[in-house]
Protein backbone atom coordinates (compact mmCIF):
# COMPACT_ATOMS: atom_id res chain seq x y z
CA UNK A 1 89.95 107.63 120.32
CA UNK A 2 90.22 105.76 117.04
CA UNK A 3 92.15 106.52 113.88
CA UNK A 4 90.98 105.14 110.60
CA UNK A 5 93.21 105.72 107.60
CA UNK A 6 93.68 104.77 104.00
CA UNK A 7 95.06 101.38 105.00
CA UNK A 8 91.74 100.16 106.38
CA UNK A 9 90.85 99.01 109.86
CA UNK A 10 93.53 97.44 112.03
CA UNK A 11 91.46 94.29 112.44
CA UNK A 12 91.21 93.67 108.70
CA UNK A 13 92.21 90.10 107.91
CA UNK A 14 95.91 90.22 107.15
CA UNK A 15 97.20 87.56 104.83
CA UNK A 16 94.13 87.24 102.65
CA UNK A 17 95.98 89.16 99.95
CA UNK A 18 98.89 87.37 98.39
CA UNK A 19 102.19 89.13 97.70
CA UNK A 20 102.55 90.29 94.12
CA UNK A 21 104.03 87.58 91.94
CA UNK A 22 107.79 87.55 91.91
CA UNK A 23 109.05 88.49 88.48
CA UNK A 24 112.26 90.04 87.27
CA UNK A 25 112.64 93.66 88.34
CA UNK A 26 113.09 96.61 86.04
CA UNK A 27 110.80 98.78 83.96
CA UNK A 28 108.07 96.66 82.44
CA UNK A 29 108.80 93.36 84.22
CA UNK A 30 105.65 93.83 86.33
CA UNK A 31 103.27 96.76 86.15
CA UNK A 32 104.52 99.07 88.92
CA UNK A 33 106.69 96.40 90.52
CA UNK A 34 108.89 97.15 93.54
CA UNK A 35 111.59 99.65 92.64
CA UNK A 36 109.84 100.86 89.48
CA UNK A 37 108.66 104.43 88.96
CA UNK A 38 105.54 106.27 87.91
CA UNK A 39 104.78 109.69 86.55
CA UNK A 40 102.09 111.96 87.93
CA UNK A 41 99.25 112.48 85.50
CA UNK A 42 96.14 114.60 85.64
CA UNK A 43 93.81 111.58 85.58
CA UNK A 44 96.09 108.56 85.93
CA UNK A 45 99.61 107.38 86.69
CA UNK A 46 101.88 105.84 84.09
CA UNK A 47 104.81 103.52 84.64
CA UNK A 48 107.99 105.15 83.37
CA UNK A 49 111.70 104.32 83.66
CA UNK A 50 113.13 105.77 86.89
CA UNK A 51 115.71 107.63 84.81
CA UNK A 52 112.97 109.45 82.90
CA UNK A 53 112.46 113.15 83.51
CA UNK A 54 108.78 112.28 84.01
CA UNK A 55 109.53 109.89 86.91
CA UNK A 56 107.94 111.25 90.09
CA UNK A 57 107.56 108.37 92.57
CA UNK A 58 109.05 104.91 93.22
CA UNK A 59 107.22 101.75 94.30
CA UNK A 60 108.33 100.81 97.84
CA UNK A 61 106.03 97.77 98.08
CA UNK A 62 103.48 96.12 95.78
CA UNK A 63 100.70 93.71 96.69
CA UNK A 64 97.94 91.90 94.82
CA UNK A 65 94.42 92.24 96.25
CA UNK A 66 92.89 95.18 98.09
CA UNK A 67 94.33 97.52 100.70
CA UNK A 68 91.72 96.49 103.27
CA UNK A 69 92.59 92.80 102.88
CA UNK A 70 96.32 93.10 102.39
CA UNK A 71 99.48 94.00 104.28
CA UNK A 72 100.14 97.55 105.43
CA UNK A 73 102.38 99.74 103.32
CA UNK A 74 105.79 100.70 104.77
CA UNK A 75 105.51 103.42 107.45
CA UNK A 76 106.90 106.31 105.37
CA UNK A 77 104.78 105.64 102.26
CA UNK A 78 103.74 108.95 100.69
CA UNK A 79 100.65 107.64 98.89
CA UNK A 80 98.98 104.44 97.69
CA UNK A 81 98.11 103.72 94.07
CA UNK A 82 95.15 101.37 93.63
CA UNK A 83 95.59 99.20 90.55
CA UNK A 84 92.47 97.89 88.83
CA UNK A 85 92.55 94.44 87.27
CA UNK A 86 93.13 94.71 83.55
CA UNK A 87 93.36 92.26 80.71
CA UNK A 88 95.15 94.24 78.01
CA UNK A 89 96.12 92.70 74.69
CA UNK A 90 99.78 93.51 75.44
CA UNK A 91 100.94 93.52 79.05
CA UNK A 92 104.20 93.50 80.95
CA UNK A 93 104.82 89.74 81.11
CA UNK A 94 102.67 88.38 78.30
CA UNK A 95 100.15 86.53 80.48
CA UNK A 96 97.31 88.81 79.39
CA UNK A 97 96.51 90.19 82.83
CA UNK A 98 97.42 92.86 85.35
CA UNK A 99 95.94 91.74 88.70
CA UNK A 100 94.08 94.05 91.04
CA UNK A 101 96.48 95.37 93.62
CA UNK A 102 98.08 98.38 95.20
CA UNK A 103 101.46 100.03 95.10
CA UNK A 104 102.95 101.82 98.11
CA UNK A 105 104.65 104.87 96.64
CA UNK A 106 107.43 107.20 97.79
CA UNK A 107 108.01 110.53 96.01
CA UNK A 108 111.43 110.79 94.37
CA UNK A 109 111.79 114.34 95.71
CA UNK A 110 110.32 116.24 98.67
CA UNK A 111 107.73 116.79 99.93
CA UNK A 112 107.31 113.45 101.64
CA UNK A 113 103.87 113.47 103.32
CA UNK A 114 104.58 110.02 104.77
CA UNK A 115 107.48 111.28 106.92
CA UNK A 116 106.80 111.61 110.66
CA UNK A 117 105.23 114.95 111.61
CA UNK A 118 104.61 116.23 108.07
CA UNK A 119 100.85 115.68 108.17
CA UNK A 120 100.03 113.31 105.36
CA UNK A 121 100.62 109.88 103.96
CA UNK A 122 98.34 106.87 104.24
CA UNK A 123 99.66 105.73 107.65
CA UNK A 124 99.87 107.44 111.01
CA UNK A 125 103.18 106.61 112.70
CA UNK A 126 105.21 107.70 115.74
CA UNK A 127 106.24 111.33 115.35
CA UNK A 128 102.95 112.28 113.66
CA UNK A 129 100.51 114.76 115.15
CA UNK A 130 96.73 114.48 115.26
CA UNK A 131 93.67 116.53 116.18
CA UNK A 132 90.21 115.46 117.39
CA UNK A 133 87.86 115.34 114.40
CA UNK A 134 84.78 114.32 116.42
CA UNK A 135 82.93 111.09 117.13
CA UNK A 136 85.98 109.51 118.75
CA UNK A 137 88.10 109.97 115.62
CA UNK A 138 91.40 111.76 115.10
CA UNK A 139 93.03 112.97 111.90
CA UNK A 140 96.64 113.59 111.09
CA UNK A 141 97.94 117.14 110.68
CA UNK A 142 101.35 118.78 110.36
CA UNK A 143 103.17 119.04 113.70
CA UNK A 144 104.53 122.50 112.81
CA UNK A 145 100.98 123.91 112.65
CA UNK A 146 101.09 124.56 108.89
CA UNK A 147 98.11 122.27 108.19
CA UNK A 148 94.44 123.27 108.05
CA UNK A 149 94.05 122.20 111.66
CA UNK A 150 96.42 122.77 114.56
CA UNK A 151 97.96 119.68 116.17
CA UNK A 152 96.64 118.68 119.60
CA UNK A 153 98.61 115.46 120.23
CA UNK A 154 101.88 113.87 119.09
CA UNK A 155 102.25 110.11 118.85
CA UNK A 156 105.41 109.30 120.79
CA UNK A 157 105.60 105.56 120.19
CA UNK A 158 103.79 102.50 118.82
CA UNK A 159 103.25 99.54 121.13
CA UNK A 160 101.47 96.15 121.04
CA UNK A 161 98.98 97.01 123.82
CA UNK A 162 97.66 100.10 125.66
CA UNK A 163 99.25 98.86 128.87
CA UNK A 164 102.67 99.28 127.20
CA UNK A 165 102.21 103.06 126.80
CA UNK A 166 103.98 105.35 129.27
CA UNK A 167 101.98 106.93 132.12
CA UNK A 168 102.18 110.32 130.36
CA UNK A 169 99.91 109.02 127.53
CA UNK A 170 96.63 110.93 127.27
CA UNK A 171 95.37 109.49 123.97
CA UNK A 172 95.52 106.03 122.38
CA UNK A 173 95.48 105.99 118.57
CA UNK A 174 94.73 102.90 116.48
CA UNK A 175 97.66 102.40 114.07
CA UNK A 176 97.40 98.82 112.81
CA UNK A 177 100.25 96.42 112.16
CA UNK A 178 102.27 94.55 114.78
CA UNK A 179 102.33 97.59 117.08
CA UNK A 180 98.71 98.73 116.68
CA UNK A 181 98.50 101.25 119.54
CA UNK A 182 99.90 104.76 119.28
CA UNK A 183 100.72 106.46 122.59
CA UNK A 184 100.04 110.19 122.27
CA UNK A 185 100.73 113.21 124.46
CA UNK A 186 99.55 116.83 124.14
CA UNK A 187 101.61 119.04 121.86
């Protein structure tokens, strides 16, 4: 079975995106730079100081380019913000541009859909549960059964190759990264 998630296919060319430019950290040094915070809006997200009462999520990682061409977000990322290239008159560092990129976000407070077993987040990781969604695909769901679909399998570990999974594995799930194979057993 195959898992395709928000991070793109596991065989996407890694390294074709360049890391976001290194600039001083802190609110405004780079639009949604690592460690900075955003608010939740109804149609968009706004960068805000992390001490603001409007702050809702913190940037765990930030990359220029597209998700399909760039590095994976950290395993417990709650959601990914896609940043369109912009050339505003006034920007964060005065160069006249905000490059296309993506920010890997972690909520400041629970819930954390990226945590193992919760049933969300852009990555499927060990501890997560999945169900068969048809056509050789699986989808993540909450391990406690609170999701729309009941869990059928739990990913017990991530390994470099199928042959590294334990004999009790009944399902192989494509995860991506340096350990691209998830070994899953029935729940």
